Amino acid sequence: MIKSKKIDLDKVLKSTNADAVLIMNNDGIVLDSLYLEYENNIALMTKAFYTMCNDLSKDLEIGEVDQIMTKSAEGFFIANRLDEKSIIISVSKDISKIGLSLKLINSLK
């Protein structure tokens, strides 16, 4: 695994109280991660998810996707584009942290 030099994942975890974080490139290759058991699977599924959502967004004529947030009864994850080559994913089981997570993840660009 190639370590990302741009983002301090420990700092992201502490700032958002997230349970796990991951940085991947556009090809679904993990660049850095903390506390994810199936990081490669998550990165590849996120790549597919981003591709489908981006195609939908283009079909709806609302531009490129910058962020995807998914919430369930037991938690949420946010996938946010960092730049043209990478995406950060934040995972939390504490739904009350959605606002804080969105604010911090958006500020990482």
C-alpha atoms as a PDB file:
ATOM      1  CA  MET A   1       0.000   0.000   0.000  1.00  0.00           C
ATOM      2  CA  ILE A   2       1.356   3.406  -1.017  1.00  0.00           C
ATOM      3  CA  LYS A   3       1.090   5.952   1.777  1.00  0.00           C
ATOM      4  CA  SER A   4      -0.612   9.242   0.990  1.00  0.00           C
ATOM      5  CA  LYS A   5       1.471  12.285   1.907  1.00  0.00           C
ATOM      6  CA  LYS A   6      -1.324  14.836   1.500  1.00  0.00           C
ATOM      7  CA  ILE A   7      -3.768  13.874   4.247  1.00  0.00           C
ATOM      8  CA  ASP A   8      -3.067  12.832   7.836  1.00  0.00           C
ATOM      9  CA  LEU A   9      -5.650  10.080   8.315  1.00  0.00           C
ATOM     10  CA  ASP A  10      -5.123   9.985  12.096  1.00  0.00           C
ATOM     11  CA  LYS A  11      -6.052  13.668  12.210  1.00  0.00           C
ATOM     12  CA  VAL A  12      -9.158  13.031  10.076  1.00  0.00           C
ATOM     13  CA  LEU A  13     -10.206  10.216  12.427  1.00  0.00           C
ATOM     14  CA  LYS A  14      -9.726  12.336  15.534  1.00  0.00           C
ATOM     15  CA  SER A  15     -11.435  15.398  14.045  1.00  0.00           C
ATOM     16  CA  THR A  16     -14.564  13.568  12.894  1.00  0.00           C
ATOM     17  CA  ASN A  17     -14.673  10.659  15.357  1.00  0.00           C
ATOM     18  CA  ALA A  18     -14.900   8.424  12.275  1.00  0.00           C
ATOM     19  CA  ASP A  19     -14.414   4.684  12.672  1.00  0.00           C
ATOM     20  CA  ALA A  20     -12.351   4.285   9.505  1.00  0.00           C
ATOM     21  CA  VAL A  21     -10.916   6.286   6.605  1.00  0.00           C
ATOM     22  CA  LEU A  22      -9.458   5.418   3.244  1.00  0.00           C
ATOM     23  CA  ILE A  23      -7.830   7.300   0.380  1.00  0.00           C
ATOM     24  CA  MET A  24      -7.987   5.731  -3.072  1.00  0.00           C
ATOM     25  CA  ASN A  25      -7.116   6.748  -6.597  1.00  0.00           C
ATOM     26  CA  ASN A  26      -9.558   6.847  -9.504  1.00  0.00           C
ATOM     27  CA  ASP A  27      -8.687   3.265 -10.452  1.00  0.00           C
ATOM     28  CA  GLY A  28      -9.870   1.949  -7.069  1.00  0.00           C
ATOM     29  CA  ILE A  29      -6.352   1.387  -5.737  1.00  0.00           C
ATOM     30  CA  VAL A  30      -5.900   2.050  -2.021  1.00  0.00           C
ATOM     31  CA  LEU A  31      -3.328   4.759  -1.323  1.00  0.00           C
ATOM     32  CA  ASP A  32      -3.782   4.822   2.460  1.00  0.00           C
ATOM     33  CA  SER A  33      -6.301   3.562   4.999  1.00  0.00           C
ATOM     34  CA  LEU A  34      -6.982   3.104   8.691  1.00  0.00           C
ATOM     35  CA  TYR A  35      -9.216   0.516  10.365  1.00  0.00           C
ATOM     36  CA  LEU A  36     -10.824  -1.106   7.316  1.00  0.00           C
ATOM     37  CA  GLU A  37     -10.695  -4.883   7.049  1.00  0.00           C
ATOM     38  CA  TYR A  38     -11.598  -5.140   3.353  1.00  0.00           C
ATOM     39  CA  GLU A  39     -10.022  -1.926   2.107  1.00  0.00           C
ATOM     40  CA  ASN A  40      -9.355  -3.149  -1.444  1.00  0.00           C
ATOM     41  CA  ASN A  41     -12.944  -4.338  -1.906  1.00  0.00           C
ATOM     42  CA  ILE A  42     -14.277  -1.072  -0.494  1.00  0.00           C
ATOM     43  CA  ALA A  43     -12.079   0.963  -2.849  1.00  0.00           C
ATOM     44  CA  LEU A  44     -13.148  -1.034  -5.901  1.00  0.00           C
ATOM     45  CA  MET A  45     -16.841  -0.876  -4.981  1.00  0.00           C
ATOM     46  CA  THR A  46     -16.535   2.864  -4.362  1.00  0.00           C
ATOM     47  CA  LYS A  47     -14.929   3.268  -7.789  1.00  0.00           C
ATOM     48  CA  ALA A  48     -17.909   1.500  -9.391  1.00  0.00           C
ATOM     49  CA  PHE A  49     -20.354   3.529  -7.271  1.00  0.00           C
ATOM     50  CA  TYR A  50     -18.644   6.804  -8.212  1.00  0.00           C
ATOM     51  CA  THR A  51     -18.677   5.865 -11.898  1.00  0.00           C
ATOM     52  CA  MET A  52     -22.398   5.022 -11.870  1.00  0.00           C
ATOM     53  CA  CYS A  53     -23.316   8.145  -9.893  1.00  0.00           C
ATOM     54  CA  ASN A  54     -21.184  10.321 -12.155  1.00  0.00           C
ATOM     55  CA  ASP A  55     -22.877   8.869 -15.257  1.00  0.00           C
ATOM     56  CA  LEU A  56     -26.275   9.525 -13.665  1.00  0.00           C
ATOM     57  CA  SER A  57     -25.260  13.065 -12.761  1.00  0.00           C
ATOM     58  CA  LYS A  58     -24.163  13.724 -16.343  1.00  0.00           C
ATOM     59  CA  ASP A  59     -27.426  12.268 -17.702  1.00  0.00           C
ATOM     60  CA  LEU A  60     -29.310  14.617 -15.370  1.00  0.00           C
ATOM     61  CA  GLU A  61     -27.090  17.457 -16.611  1.00  0.00           C
ATOM     62  CA  ILE A  62     -26.003  18.503 -13.123  1.00  0.00           C
ATOM     63  CA  GLY A  63     -22.241  18.144 -13.620  1.00  0.00           C
ATOM     64  CA  GLU A  64     -19.558  15.920 -12.152  1.00  0.00           C
ATOM     65  CA  VAL A  65     -20.011  14.211  -8.792  1.00  0.00           C
ATOM     66  CA  ASP A  66     -17.814  15.601  -6.010  1.00  0.00           C
ATOM     67  CA  GLN A  67     -19.299  13.735  -3.065  1.00  0.00           C
ATOM     68  CA  ILE A  68     -21.438  10.711  -2.285  1.00  0.00           C
ATOM     69  CA  MET A  69     -23.002  10.163   1.126  1.00  0.00           C
ATOM     70  CA  THR A  70     -24.806   6.989   2.116  1.00  0.00           C
ATOM     71  CA  LYS A  71     -26.673   6.616   5.412  1.00  0.00           C
ATOM     72  CA  SER A  72     -28.217   3.539   6.986  1.00  0.00           C
ATOM     73  CA  ALA A  73     -29.794   2.889  10.363  1.00  0.00           C
ATOM     74  CA  GLU A  74     -26.402   1.787  11.688  1.00  0.00           C
ATOM     75  CA  GLY A  75     -24.054   4.397  10.256  1.00  0.00           C
ATOM     76  CA  PHE A  76     -22.910   6.304   7.199  1.00  0.00           C
ATOM     77  CA  PHE A  77     -20.048   6.780   4.821  1.00  0.00           C
ATOM     78  CA  ILE A  78     -18.930   9.764   2.817  1.00  0.00           C
ATOM     79  CA  ALA A  79     -16.860   9.487  -0.346  1.00  0.00           C
ATOM     80  CA  ASN A  80     -15.424  12.845  -1.339  1.00  0.00           C
ATOM     81  CA  ARG A  81     -13.215  13.795  -4.251  1.00  0.00           C
ATOM     82  CA  LEU A  82      -9.936  15.270  -2.966  1.00  0.00           C
ATOM     83  CA  ASP A  83      -8.626  16.234  -6.399  1.00  0.00           C
ATOM     84  CA  GLU A  84      -8.827  14.961  -9.965  1.00  0.00           C
ATOM     85  CA  LYS A  85      -6.895  11.807  -9.013  1.00  0.00           C
ATOM     86  CA  SER A  86      -8.093  10.751  -5.551  1.00  0.00           C
ATOM     87  CA  ILE A  87     -11.085  10.154  -3.286  1.00  0.00           C
ATOM     88  CA  ILE A  88     -11.306   9.981   0.513  1.00  0.00           C
ATOM     89  CA  ILE A  89     -13.840   7.775   2.278  1.00  0.00           C
ATOM     90  CA  SER A  90     -14.907   8.318   5.880  1.00  0.00           C
ATOM     91  CA  VAL A  91     -16.965   5.680   7.740  1.00  0.00           C
ATOM     92  CA  SER A  92     -18.806   6.138  11.027  1.00  0.00           C
ATOM     93  CA  LYS A  93     -21.402   4.266  13.040  1.00  0.00           C
ATOM     94  CA  ASP A  94     -22.332   7.453  14.922  1.00  0.00           C
ATOM     95  CA  ILE A  95     -25.003   9.174  12.818  1.00  0.00           C
ATOM     96  CA  SER A  96     -24.808  12.309  14.963  1.00  0.00           C
ATOM     97  CA  LYS A  97     -21.384  12.967  13.373  1.00  0.00           C
ATOM     98  CA  ILE A  98     -22.682  13.424   9.799  1.00  0.00           C
ATOM     99  CA  GLY A  99     -22.557  17.238   9.867  1.00  0.00           C
ATOM    100  CA  LEU A 100     -19.085  17.371  11.388  1.00  0.00           C
ATOM    101  CA  SER A 101     -17.801  14.751   8.943  1.00  0.00           C
ATOM    102  CA  LEU A 102     -19.243  16.581   5.928  1.00  0.00           C
ATOM    103  CA  LYS A 103     -17.710  19.863   7.069  1.00  0.00           C
ATOM    104  CA  LEU A 104     -14.245  18.396   7.597  1.00  0.00           C
ATOM    105  CA  ILE A 105     -14.230  16.218   4.485  1.00  0.00           C
ATOM    106  CA  ASN A 106     -15.247  19.209   2.346  1.00  0.00           C
ATOM    107  CA  SER A 107     -12.404  21.280   3.827  1.00  0.00           C
ATOM    108  CA  LEU A 108      -9.730  18.758   2.770  1.00  0.00           C
ATOM    109  CA  LYS A 109      -9.736  19.831  -0.881  1.00  0.00           C
END
